[in-house]
């Protein structure tokens, strides 16, 4: 079995974090809020601690926890066109997709709800379990310890593709499902 290291944001699920910040009343990405989100995504604080920290900001003080959760979840927009079908087809074609993502526990659960092909991706290496975010070497080591070197790693971010190449991984900068399929099977 070949393993595909598969990012989630803007590869499987379209995301828009800046729109979520705007819904909360921030003008752009607030550095303090990003720091709290990073602690949540790396597993250093719980979802409740994350909510308390965000709700204590001036911009969010008039929001309820439910409103905050709805806004935070709105970062995840919808499945990327064609990815549901492609990912669902991979195990039968000899490729096991493995999520390799900087993500919170909450957004992973939401991804599994929103992305029908998630049932074909039972495994993952996540920032909230490793305690670090890509491109930290612990993410690559965690993947390789469990699955070996992946057949391919795909991500939409050029900086993460470059870092993975330096680590010695074969990569593909994701643009769309059709191109990824060609790369996988050419």
N, C-alpha and C. Protein backbone atom coordinates (compact mmCIF):
# COMPACT_ATOMS: atom_id res chain seq x y z
N UNK A 1 0.85 -1.18 0.00
CA UNK A 1 0.00 0.00 0.00
C UNK A 1 0.89 1.24 0.00
N UNK A 2 0.57 2.17 -0.87
CA UNK A 2 1.26 3.46 -0.91
C UNK A 2 0.47 4.44 -0.04
N UNK A 3 1.19 5.33 0.65
CA UNK A 3 0.54 6.33 1.50
C UNK A 3 0.67 7.72 0.89
N UNK A 4 -0.46 8.42 0.84
CA UNK A 4 -0.52 9.80 0.38
C UNK A 4 -0.69 10.68 1.60
N UNK A 5 0.27 11.55 1.88
CA UNK A 5 0.16 12.53 2.96
C UNK A 5 -0.69 13.68 2.42
N UNK A 6 -1.83 13.89 3.04
CA UNK A 6 -2.88 14.76 2.50
C UNK A 6 -3.22 15.89 3.46
N UNK A 7 -2.91 17.10 3.07
CA UNK A 7 -3.32 18.26 3.86
C UNK A 7 -4.85 18.37 3.78
N UNK A 8 -5.44 19.08 4.72
CA UNK A 8 -6.90 19.24 4.72
C UNK A 8 -7.31 20.61 4.18
N UNK A 9 -6.81 21.70 4.78
CA UNK A 9 -7.23 23.05 4.41
C UNK A 9 -6.84 23.44 3.01
N UNK A 10 -7.83 23.78 2.20
CA UNK A 10 -7.69 24.17 0.79
C UNK A 10 -7.17 23.05 -0.10
N UNK A 11 -7.21 21.83 0.42
CA UNK A 11 -6.93 20.64 -0.37
C UNK A 11 -8.19 19.77 -0.36
N UNK A 12 -8.66 19.44 0.83
CA UNK A 12 -9.91 18.66 0.96
C UNK A 12 -11.10 19.57 1.23
N UNK A 13 -10.90 20.54 2.09
CA UNK A 13 -11.96 21.49 2.47
C UNK A 13 -11.47 22.91 2.20
N UNK A 14 -12.25 23.67 1.44
CA UNK A 14 -11.92 25.09 1.24
C UNK A 14 -12.06 25.81 2.58
N UNK A 15 -11.09 26.67 2.88
CA UNK A 15 -11.11 27.41 4.15
C UNK A 15 -10.94 28.90 3.89
N UNK A 16 -11.44 29.69 4.86
CA UNK A 16 -11.27 31.14 4.80
C UNK A 16 -11.19 31.70 6.22
N UNK A 17 -10.02 31.60 6.86
CA UNK A 17 -9.88 32.10 8.23
C UNK A 17 -10.10 33.60 8.36
N UNK A 18 -9.72 34.37 7.37
CA UNK A 18 -9.85 35.82 7.45
C UNK A 18 -11.32 36.22 7.54
N UNK A 19 -12.19 35.54 6.80
CA UNK A 19 -13.62 35.84 6.87
C UNK A 19 -14.15 35.57 8.27
N UNK A 20 -13.66 34.52 8.92
CA UNK A 20 -14.10 34.22 10.28
C UNK A 20 -13.65 35.32 11.25
N UNK A 21 -12.42 35.81 11.08
CA UNK A 21 -11.96 36.91 11.92
C UNK A 21 -12.87 38.13 11.72
N UNK A 22 -13.23 38.42 10.49
CA UNK A 22 -14.09 39.57 10.20
C UNK A 22 -15.46 39.41 10.85
N UNK A 23 -16.03 38.20 10.82
CA UNK A 23 -17.32 37.96 11.45
C UNK A 23 -17.26 38.20 12.95
N UNK A 24 -16.08 38.05 13.51
CA UNK A 24 -15.91 38.25 14.93
C UNK A 24 -15.66 39.72 15.26
N UNK A 25 -15.38 40.52 14.25
CA UNK A 25 -15.16 41.94 14.49
C UNK A 25 -13.71 42.35 14.38
N UNK A 26 -12.82 41.43 14.05
CA UNK A 26 -11.41 41.76 13.89
C UNK A 26 -11.18 42.24 12.47
N UNK A 27 -10.26 43.16 12.32
CA UNK A 27 -9.86 43.62 10.98
C UNK A 27 -8.62 42.84 10.59
N UNK A 28 -8.82 41.77 9.88
CA UNK A 28 -7.71 40.89 9.51
C UNK A 28 -7.42 39.89 10.61
N UNK A 29 -6.31 39.22 10.47
CA UNK A 29 -5.91 38.19 11.42
C UNK A 29 -5.29 38.84 12.65
N UNK A 30 -5.93 38.74 13.78
CA UNK A 30 -5.44 39.33 15.02
C UNK A 30 -4.31 38.47 15.59
N UNK A 31 -3.12 39.04 15.82
CA UNK A 31 -1.98 38.25 16.29
C UNK A 31 -2.24 37.52 17.62
N UNK A 32 -2.91 38.18 18.56
CA UNK A 32 -3.19 37.53 19.85
C UNK A 32 -4.13 36.34 19.66
N UNK A 33 -5.13 36.53 18.80
CA UNK A 33 -6.07 35.45 18.55
C UNK A 33 -5.38 34.30 17.79
N UNK A 34 -4.50 34.63 16.88
CA UNK A 34 -3.74 33.59 16.17
C UNK A 34 -2.90 32.77 17.13
N UNK A 35 -2.32 33.42 18.14
CA UNK A 35 -1.50 32.71 19.13
C UNK A 35 -2.36 31.74 19.93
N UNK A 36 -3.56 32.16 20.29
CA UNK A 36 -4.48 31.28 21.03
C UNK A 36 -4.91 30.12 20.13
N UNK A 37 -5.21 30.42 18.88
CA UNK A 37 -5.61 29.37 17.95
C UNK A 37 -4.48 28.36 17.75
N UNK A 38 -3.24 28.85 17.68
CA UNK A 38 -2.10 27.95 17.52
C UNK A 38 -1.98 27.02 18.73
N UNK A 39 -2.21 27.54 19.93
CA UNK A 39 -2.17 26.69 21.13
C UNK A 39 -3.25 25.61 21.06
N UNK A 40 -4.42 25.98 20.54
CA UNK A 40 -5.51 25.02 20.40
C UNK A 40 -5.16 23.98 19.33
N UNK A 41 -4.65 24.43 18.19
CA UNK A 41 -4.34 23.51 17.11
C UNK A 41 -3.15 22.61 17.42
N UNK A 42 -2.33 22.98 18.39
CA UNK A 42 -1.21 22.12 18.77
C UNK A 42 -1.49 21.35 20.06
N UNK A 43 -2.72 21.41 20.53
CA UNK A 43 -3.14 20.59 21.66
C UNK A 43 -2.72 21.07 23.02
N UNK A 44 -2.25 22.31 23.12
CA UNK A 44 -1.81 22.83 24.42
C UNK A 44 -2.95 23.40 25.25
N UNK A 45 -4.07 23.72 24.62
CA UNK A 45 -5.26 24.14 25.36
C UNK A 45 -6.46 23.39 24.81
N UNK A 46 -7.47 23.28 25.65
CA UNK A 46 -8.70 22.59 25.26
C UNK A 46 -9.61 23.53 24.48
N UNK A 47 -10.67 22.96 23.93
CA UNK A 47 -11.66 23.78 23.22
C UNK A 47 -12.29 24.80 24.17
N UNK A 48 -12.56 24.41 25.40
CA UNK A 48 -13.14 25.35 26.36
C UNK A 48 -12.17 26.48 26.69
N UNK A 49 -10.90 26.16 26.85
CA UNK A 49 -9.90 27.20 27.12
C UNK A 49 -9.77 28.14 25.92
N UNK A 50 -9.83 27.59 24.73
CA UNK A 50 -9.79 28.40 23.52
C UNK A 50 -10.97 29.36 23.50
N UNK A 51 -12.17 28.84 23.76
CA UNK A 51 -13.37 29.69 23.76
C UNK A 51 -13.28 30.79 24.81
N UNK A 52 -12.85 30.44 26.01
CA UNK A 52 -12.73 31.45 27.07
C UNK A 52 -11.75 32.55 26.67
N UNK A 53 -10.62 32.17 26.08
CA UNK A 53 -9.62 33.16 25.67
C UNK A 53 -10.17 34.08 24.59
N UNK A 54 -10.86 33.53 23.62
CA UNK A 54 -11.41 34.36 22.53
C UNK A 54 -12.53 35.24 23.06
N UNK A 55 -13.39 34.69 23.89
CA UNK A 55 -14.52 35.46 24.41
C UNK A 55 -14.08 36.59 25.34
N UNK A 56 -12.85 36.53 25.83
CA UNK A 56 -12.35 37.59 26.70
C UNK A 56 -11.81 38.79 25.92
N UNK A 57 -11.72 38.67 24.59
CA UNK A 57 -11.23 39.79 23.78
C UNK A 57 -12.33 40.84 23.61
N UNK A 58 -11.93 42.07 23.37
CA UNK A 58 -12.91 43.15 23.17
C UNK A 58 -13.81 42.87 21.97
N UNK A 59 -13.23 42.35 20.91
CA UNK A 59 -14.00 42.11 19.69
C UNK A 59 -15.07 41.03 19.88
N UNK A 60 -14.82 40.08 20.76
CA UNK A 60 -15.74 38.95 20.91
C UNK A 60 -16.55 39.00 22.19
N UNK A 61 -16.38 40.03 23.00
CA UNK A 61 -17.02 40.04 24.32
C UNK A 61 -18.55 40.02 24.27
N UNK A 62 -19.14 40.44 23.15
CA UNK A 62 -20.61 40.43 23.04
C UNK A 62 -21.14 39.13 22.43
N UNK A 63 -20.24 38.16 22.17
CA UNK A 63 -20.64 36.90 21.55
C UNK A 63 -20.89 35.84 22.62
N UNK A 64 -21.75 34.89 22.31
CA UNK A 64 -21.93 33.73 23.17
C UNK A 64 -20.97 32.64 22.72
N UNK A 65 -20.81 31.62 23.54
CA UNK A 65 -19.94 30.50 23.17
C UNK A 65 -20.47 29.84 21.90
N UNK A 66 -21.78 29.71 21.78
CA UNK A 66 -22.39 29.10 20.60
C UNK A 66 -22.10 29.92 19.34
N UNK A 67 -22.20 31.25 19.46
CA UNK A 67 -21.90 32.12 18.32
C UNK A 67 -20.43 32.00 17.94
N UNK A 68 -19.55 31.94 18.94
CA UNK A 68 -18.13 31.80 18.69
C UNK A 68 -17.85 30.48 17.95
N UNK A 69 -18.47 29.40 18.41
CA UNK A 69 -18.26 28.10 17.75
C UNK A 69 -18.74 28.15 16.30
N UNK A 70 -19.86 28.78 16.08
CA UNK A 70 -20.39 28.91 14.71
C UNK A 70 -19.42 29.72 13.83
N UNK A 71 -18.91 30.80 14.38
CA UNK A 71 -17.95 31.63 13.63
C UNK A 71 -16.66 30.85 13.37
N UNK A 72 -16.15 30.19 14.40
CA UNK A 72 -14.91 29.42 14.25
C UNK A 72 -15.09 28.31 13.21
N UNK A 73 -16.23 27.65 13.24
CA UNK A 73 -16.50 26.59 12.27
C UNK A 73 -16.68 27.13 10.85
N UNK A 74 -17.04 28.41 10.73
CA UNK A 74 -17.25 28.98 9.39
C UNK A 74 -15.95 29.12 8.61
N UNK A 75 -14.81 28.90 9.27
CA UNK A 75 -13.53 28.85 8.56
C UNK A 75 -13.60 27.77 7.48
N UNK A 76 -14.26 26.66 7.82
CA UNK A 76 -14.42 25.53 6.90
C UNK A 76 -15.62 25.81 6.01
N UNK A 77 -15.40 25.91 4.71
CA UNK A 77 -16.47 26.34 3.81
C UNK A 77 -17.19 25.17 3.17
N UNK A 78 -16.48 24.38 2.39
CA UNK A 78 -17.10 23.25 1.70
C UNK A 78 -16.00 22.36 1.11
N UNK A 79 -16.35 21.12 0.74
CA UNK A 79 -15.35 20.28 0.10
C UNK A 79 -14.81 20.91 -1.18
N UNK A 80 -13.53 20.73 -1.41
CA UNK A 80 -12.90 21.22 -2.63
C UNK A 80 -13.46 20.38 -3.80
N UNK A 81 -13.89 21.01 -4.88
CA UNK A 81 -14.49 20.27 -6.00
C UNK A 81 -13.60 19.13 -6.49
N UNK A 82 -14.22 17.98 -6.63
CA UNK A 82 -13.55 16.80 -7.15
C UNK A 82 -12.79 15.97 -6.13
N UNK A 83 -12.51 16.53 -4.96
CA UNK A 83 -11.70 15.81 -3.98
C UNK A 83 -12.47 14.68 -3.30
N UNK A 84 -13.76 14.84 -3.10
CA UNK A 84 -14.54 13.76 -2.49
C UNK A 84 -14.43 12.51 -3.35
N UNK A 85 -14.65 12.66 -4.63
CA UNK A 85 -14.61 11.52 -5.55
C UNK A 85 -13.19 10.93 -5.65
N UNK A 86 -12.19 11.79 -5.76
CA UNK A 86 -10.82 11.32 -5.90
C UNK A 86 -10.39 10.55 -4.65
N UNK A 87 -10.57 11.13 -3.50
CA UNK A 87 -10.12 10.49 -2.26
C UNK A 87 -10.88 9.18 -2.03
N UNK A 88 -12.16 9.15 -2.32
CA UNK A 88 -12.95 7.93 -2.16
C UNK A 88 -12.43 6.81 -3.05
N UNK A 89 -11.86 7.16 -4.19
CA UNK A 89 -11.39 6.15 -5.14
C UNK A 89 -10.01 5.59 -4.83
N UNK A 90 -9.24 6.27 -4.00
CA UNK A 90 -7.83 5.93 -3.84
C UNK A 90 -7.57 4.56 -3.20
N UNK A 91 -8.21 4.18 -2.09
CA UNK A 91 -7.88 2.88 -1.51
C UNK A 91 -8.05 1.71 -2.49
N UNK A 92 -9.08 1.73 -3.31
CA UNK A 92 -9.28 0.67 -4.29
C UNK A 92 -8.21 0.69 -5.38
N UNK A 93 -7.51 1.82 -5.50
CA UNK A 93 -6.47 1.97 -6.52
C UNK A 93 -5.07 1.82 -5.92
N UNK A 94 -5.01 1.34 -4.67
CA UNK A 94 -3.72 1.04 -4.04
C UNK A 94 -3.05 2.18 -3.31
N UNK A 95 -3.78 3.25 -3.07
CA UNK A 95 -3.21 4.40 -2.35
C UNK A 95 -4.07 4.69 -1.12
N UNK A 96 -3.44 4.70 0.05
CA UNK A 96 -4.15 5.02 1.28
C UNK A 96 -3.88 6.48 1.64
N UNK A 97 -4.91 7.34 1.55
CA UNK A 97 -4.71 8.73 1.99
C UNK A 97 -4.62 8.80 3.51
N UNK A 98 -3.72 9.64 3.99
CA UNK A 98 -3.52 9.87 5.41
C UNK A 98 -3.54 11.38 5.62
N UNK A 99 -4.45 11.87 6.46
CA UNK A 99 -4.45 13.30 6.74
C UNK A 99 -3.13 13.68 7.41
N UNK A 100 -2.56 14.79 6.95
CA UNK A 100 -1.32 15.35 7.49
C UNK A 100 -1.57 16.84 7.60
N UNK A 101 -2.05 17.26 8.78
CA UNK A 101 -2.65 18.59 8.83
C UNK A 101 -2.44 19.31 10.16
N UNK A 102 -2.31 20.63 10.04
CA UNK A 102 -2.37 21.53 11.20
C UNK A 102 -3.86 21.82 11.39
N UNK A 103 -4.42 21.30 12.47
CA UNK A 103 -5.86 21.39 12.64
C UNK A 103 -6.21 21.21 14.11
N UNK A 104 -7.33 21.78 14.53
CA UNK A 104 -7.82 21.59 15.89
C UNK A 104 -8.71 20.35 15.93
N UNK A 105 -8.94 19.86 17.13
CA UNK A 105 -9.84 18.72 17.29
C UNK A 105 -11.23 19.06 16.78
N UNK A 106 -11.67 20.27 17.03
CA UNK A 106 -13.00 20.70 16.60
C UNK A 106 -13.11 20.71 15.07
N UNK A 107 -12.11 21.28 14.41
CA UNK A 107 -12.16 21.35 12.95
C UNK A 107 -11.98 19.97 12.30
N UNK A 108 -11.24 19.09 12.95
CA UNK A 108 -11.13 17.73 12.41
C UNK A 108 -12.50 17.04 12.46
N UNK A 109 -13.19 17.18 13.57
CA UNK A 109 -14.54 16.59 13.69
C UNK A 109 -15.47 17.18 12.64
N UNK A 110 -15.39 18.49 12.45
CA UNK A 110 -16.24 19.16 11.45
C UNK A 110 -15.86 18.72 10.04
N UNK A 111 -14.57 18.55 9.77
CA UNK A 111 -14.11 18.06 8.47
C UNK A 111 -14.70 16.69 8.20
N UNK A 112 -14.67 15.83 9.21
CA UNK A 112 -15.22 14.48 9.03
C UNK A 112 -16.72 14.52 8.74
N UNK A 113 -17.42 15.53 9.24
CA UNK A 113 -18.85 15.70 8.93
C UNK A 113 -19.05 16.24 7.51
N UNK A 114 -18.24 17.21 7.13
CA UNK A 114 -18.44 17.94 5.87
C UNK A 114 -17.86 17.25 4.64
N UNK A 115 -16.86 16.42 4.84
CA UNK A 115 -16.11 15.84 3.73
C UNK A 115 -16.47 14.36 3.63
N UNK A 116 -17.39 14.00 2.74
CA UNK A 116 -17.87 12.62 2.67
C UNK A 116 -16.76 11.58 2.51
N UNK A 117 -15.68 11.90 1.85
CA UNK A 117 -14.60 10.94 1.64
C UNK A 117 -13.72 10.75 2.87
N UNK A 118 -13.97 11.48 3.94
CA UNK A 118 -13.17 11.33 5.16
C UNK A 118 -13.23 9.90 5.68
N UNK A 119 -14.30 9.19 5.40
CA UNK A 119 -14.39 7.80 5.86
C UNK A 119 -13.33 6.91 5.18
N UNK A 120 -12.76 7.38 4.08
CA UNK A 120 -11.69 6.65 3.40
C UNK A 120 -10.31 7.08 3.90
N UNK A 121 -10.30 7.97 4.89
CA UNK A 121 -9.05 8.48 5.47
C UNK A 121 -9.11 8.23 6.99
N UNK A 122 -8.93 6.96 7.39
CA UNK A 122 -9.08 6.66 8.81
C UNK A 122 -7.89 7.08 9.67
N UNK A 123 -6.77 7.42 9.04
CA UNK A 123 -5.55 7.73 9.77
C UNK A 123 -5.16 9.19 9.56
N UNK A 124 -4.38 9.69 10.52
CA UNK A 124 -3.89 11.04 10.37
C UNK A 124 -2.76 11.36 11.33
N UNK A 125 -1.97 12.30 10.93
CA UNK A 125 -0.94 12.92 11.78
C UNK A 125 -1.36 14.38 11.87
N UNK A 126 -1.66 14.81 13.09
CA UNK A 126 -2.25 16.13 13.31
C UNK A 126 -1.39 16.96 14.27
N UNK A 127 -1.45 18.27 14.07
CA UNK A 127 -0.72 19.18 14.95
C UNK A 127 -1.17 19.04 16.40
N UNK A 128 -2.46 18.76 16.64
CA UNK A 128 -2.94 18.68 18.01
C UNK A 128 -2.43 17.42 18.73
N UNK A 129 -1.94 16.42 17.99
CA UNK A 129 -1.36 15.23 18.64
C UNK A 129 0.16 15.30 18.72
N UNK A 130 0.79 16.01 17.79
CA UNK A 130 2.25 16.11 17.82
C UNK A 130 2.73 17.28 18.68
N UNK A 131 1.87 18.26 18.90
CA UNK A 131 2.25 19.44 19.68
C UNK A 131 3.00 20.48 18.88
N UNK A 132 3.11 20.27 17.58
CA UNK A 132 3.80 21.22 16.69
C UNK A 132 3.04 21.32 15.39
N UNK A 133 3.38 22.35 14.62
CA UNK A 133 2.75 22.54 13.31
C UNK A 133 3.79 22.33 12.22
N UNK A 134 3.30 21.99 11.04
CA UNK A 134 4.20 21.90 9.88
C UNK A 134 4.86 23.26 9.67
N UNK A 135 6.09 23.34 9.35
CA UNK A 135 6.99 22.30 8.88
C UNK A 135 7.92 21.73 9.95
N UNK A 136 7.51 21.72 11.20
CA UNK A 136 8.36 21.19 12.27
C UNK A 136 8.71 19.74 11.97
N UNK A 137 9.95 19.38 12.23
CA UNK A 137 10.42 18.03 11.92
C UNK A 137 9.64 16.94 12.65
N UNK A 138 9.08 17.25 13.81
CA UNK A 138 8.30 16.23 14.53
C UNK A 138 7.07 15.78 13.74
N UNK A 139 6.53 16.64 12.92
CA UNK A 139 5.39 16.23 12.09
C UNK A 139 5.85 15.17 11.08
N UNK A 140 6.96 15.42 10.40
CA UNK A 140 7.48 14.46 9.43
C UNK A 140 7.88 13.15 10.11
N UNK A 141 8.54 13.28 11.24
CA UNK A 141 8.98 12.08 11.96
C UNK A 141 7.78 11.25 12.43
N UNK A 142 6.73 11.92 12.89
CA UNK A 142 5.53 11.19 13.34
C UNK A 142 4.91 10.43 12.17
N UNK A 143 4.86 11.07 11.01
CA UNK A 143 4.30 10.40 9.84
C UNK A 143 5.15 9.18 9.48
N UNK A 144 6.45 9.39 9.37
CA UNK A 144 7.34 8.31 8.96
C UNK A 144 7.40 7.18 9.98
N UNK A 145 7.28 7.49 11.27
CA UNK A 145 7.28 6.44 12.30
C UNK A 145 6.07 5.52 12.15
N UNK A 146 4.98 6.06 11.69
CA UNK A 146 3.75 5.28 11.58
C UNK A 146 3.55 4.67 10.19
N UNK A 147 3.93 5.39 9.16
CA UNK A 147 3.61 4.97 7.79
C UNK A 147 4.82 4.84 6.86
N UNK A 148 5.98 5.23 7.32
CA UNK A 148 7.13 5.31 6.43
C UNK A 148 7.05 6.59 5.61
N UNK A 149 7.97 6.74 4.69
CA UNK A 149 7.95 7.94 3.83
C UNK A 149 6.75 7.83 2.90
N UNK A 150 5.97 8.91 2.76
CA UNK A 150 4.81 8.82 1.87
C UNK A 150 5.21 8.73 0.40
N UNK A 151 4.36 8.10 -0.35
CA UNK A 151 4.50 8.04 -1.81
C UNK A 151 4.49 9.47 -2.36
N UNK A 152 3.61 10.32 -1.76
CA UNK A 152 3.47 11.72 -2.19
C UNK A 152 2.85 12.52 -1.06
N UNK A 153 3.23 13.78 -0.97
CA UNK A 153 2.61 14.73 -0.03
C UNK A 153 2.03 15.86 -0.87
N UNK A 154 0.77 16.20 -0.61
CA UNK A 154 0.16 17.32 -1.32
C UNK A 154 -0.37 18.35 -0.33
N UNK A 155 -0.11 19.60 -0.65
CA UNK A 155 -0.52 20.74 0.17
C UNK A 155 -0.65 21.93 -0.78
N UNK A 156 -1.46 22.90 -0.41
CA UNK A 156 -1.61 24.09 -1.26
C UNK A 156 -0.56 25.15 -0.98
N UNK A 157 0.11 25.05 0.15
CA UNK A 157 1.06 26.09 0.55
C UNK A 157 2.46 25.80 0.04
N UNK A 158 3.02 26.75 -0.69
CA UNK A 158 4.36 26.61 -1.27
C UNK A 158 5.43 26.42 -0.20
N UNK A 159 5.31 27.14 0.92
CA UNK A 159 6.33 27.03 1.97
C UNK A 159 6.36 25.62 2.57
N UNK A 160 5.20 24.99 2.70
CA UNK A 160 5.16 23.64 3.27
C UNK A 160 5.62 22.60 2.25
N UNK A 161 5.35 22.84 1.00
CA UNK A 161 5.86 21.95 -0.05
C UNK A 161 7.38 22.02 -0.07
N UNK A 162 7.94 23.22 -0.02
CA UNK A 162 9.39 23.40 -0.02
C UNK A 162 10.03 22.71 1.18
N UNK A 163 9.44 22.87 2.35
CA UNK A 163 9.99 22.24 3.56
C UNK A 163 9.97 20.72 3.46
N UNK A 164 8.90 20.17 2.92
CA UNK A 164 8.80 18.72 2.76
C UNK A 164 9.83 18.21 1.76
N UNK A 165 10.06 18.97 0.71
CA UNK A 165 11.10 18.59 -0.26
C UNK A 165 12.47 18.55 0.40
N UNK A 166 12.74 19.52 1.26
CA UNK A 166 14.02 19.55 1.98
C UNK A 166 14.13 18.34 2.91
N UNK A 167 13.00 17.86 3.39
CA UNK A 167 12.97 16.68 4.25
C UNK A 167 13.18 15.40 3.42
N UNK A 168 13.03 15.52 2.11
CA UNK A 168 13.23 14.38 1.23
C UNK A 168 11.96 13.71 0.73
N UNK A 169 10.84 14.38 0.89
CA UNK A 169 9.56 13.83 0.44
C UNK A 169 9.27 14.25 -0.99
N UNK A 170 8.62 13.36 -1.72
CA UNK A 170 8.06 13.71 -3.03
C UNK A 170 6.81 14.54 -2.76
N UNK A 171 6.63 15.62 -3.51
CA UNK A 171 5.54 16.55 -3.22
C UNK A 171 4.79 16.95 -4.49
N UNK A 172 3.62 17.49 -4.23
CA UNK A 172 2.82 18.12 -5.29
C UNK A 172 2.10 19.29 -4.66
N UNK A 173 2.31 20.47 -5.23
CA UNK A 173 1.56 21.63 -4.74
C UNK A 173 0.16 21.57 -5.33
N UNK A 174 -0.81 21.44 -4.45
CA UNK A 174 -2.20 21.22 -4.85
C UNK A 174 -2.79 22.46 -5.50
N UNK A 175 -3.46 22.24 -6.64
CA UNK A 175 -4.23 23.30 -7.29
C UNK A 175 -5.67 22.84 -7.51
N UNK A 176 -5.84 21.57 -7.90
CA UNK A 176 -7.18 21.04 -8.13
C UNK A 176 -7.12 19.51 -8.16
N UNK A 177 -8.28 18.88 -8.04
CA UNK A 177 -8.36 17.42 -7.96
C UNK A 177 -7.90 16.75 -9.24
N UNK A 178 -8.26 17.29 -10.38
CA UNK A 178 -7.90 16.66 -11.66
C UNK A 178 -6.38 16.61 -11.84
N UNK A 179 -5.70 17.68 -11.48
CA UNK A 179 -4.24 17.70 -11.60
C UNK A 179 -3.61 16.72 -10.61
N UNK A 180 -4.12 16.68 -9.40
CA UNK A 180 -3.60 15.74 -8.41
C UNK A 180 -3.77 14.30 -8.91
N UNK A 181 -4.91 13.99 -9.48
CA UNK A 181 -5.13 12.63 -10.00
C UNK A 181 -4.11 12.29 -11.08
N UNK A 182 -3.84 13.23 -11.95
CA UNK A 182 -2.83 12.99 -13.00
C UNK A 182 -1.47 12.73 -12.39
N UNK A 183 -1.11 13.49 -11.36
CA UNK A 183 0.18 13.30 -10.70
C UNK A 183 0.24 11.93 -10.03
N UNK A 184 -0.84 11.52 -9.40
CA UNK A 184 -0.87 10.25 -8.69
C UNK A 184 -0.76 9.05 -9.62
N UNK A 185 -1.32 9.16 -10.80
CA UNK A 185 -1.43 8.01 -11.68
C UNK A 185 -0.69 8.14 -13.01
N UNK A 186 0.28 9.06 -13.07
CA UNK A 186 1.05 9.18 -14.32
C UNK A 186 2.38 8.46 -14.21
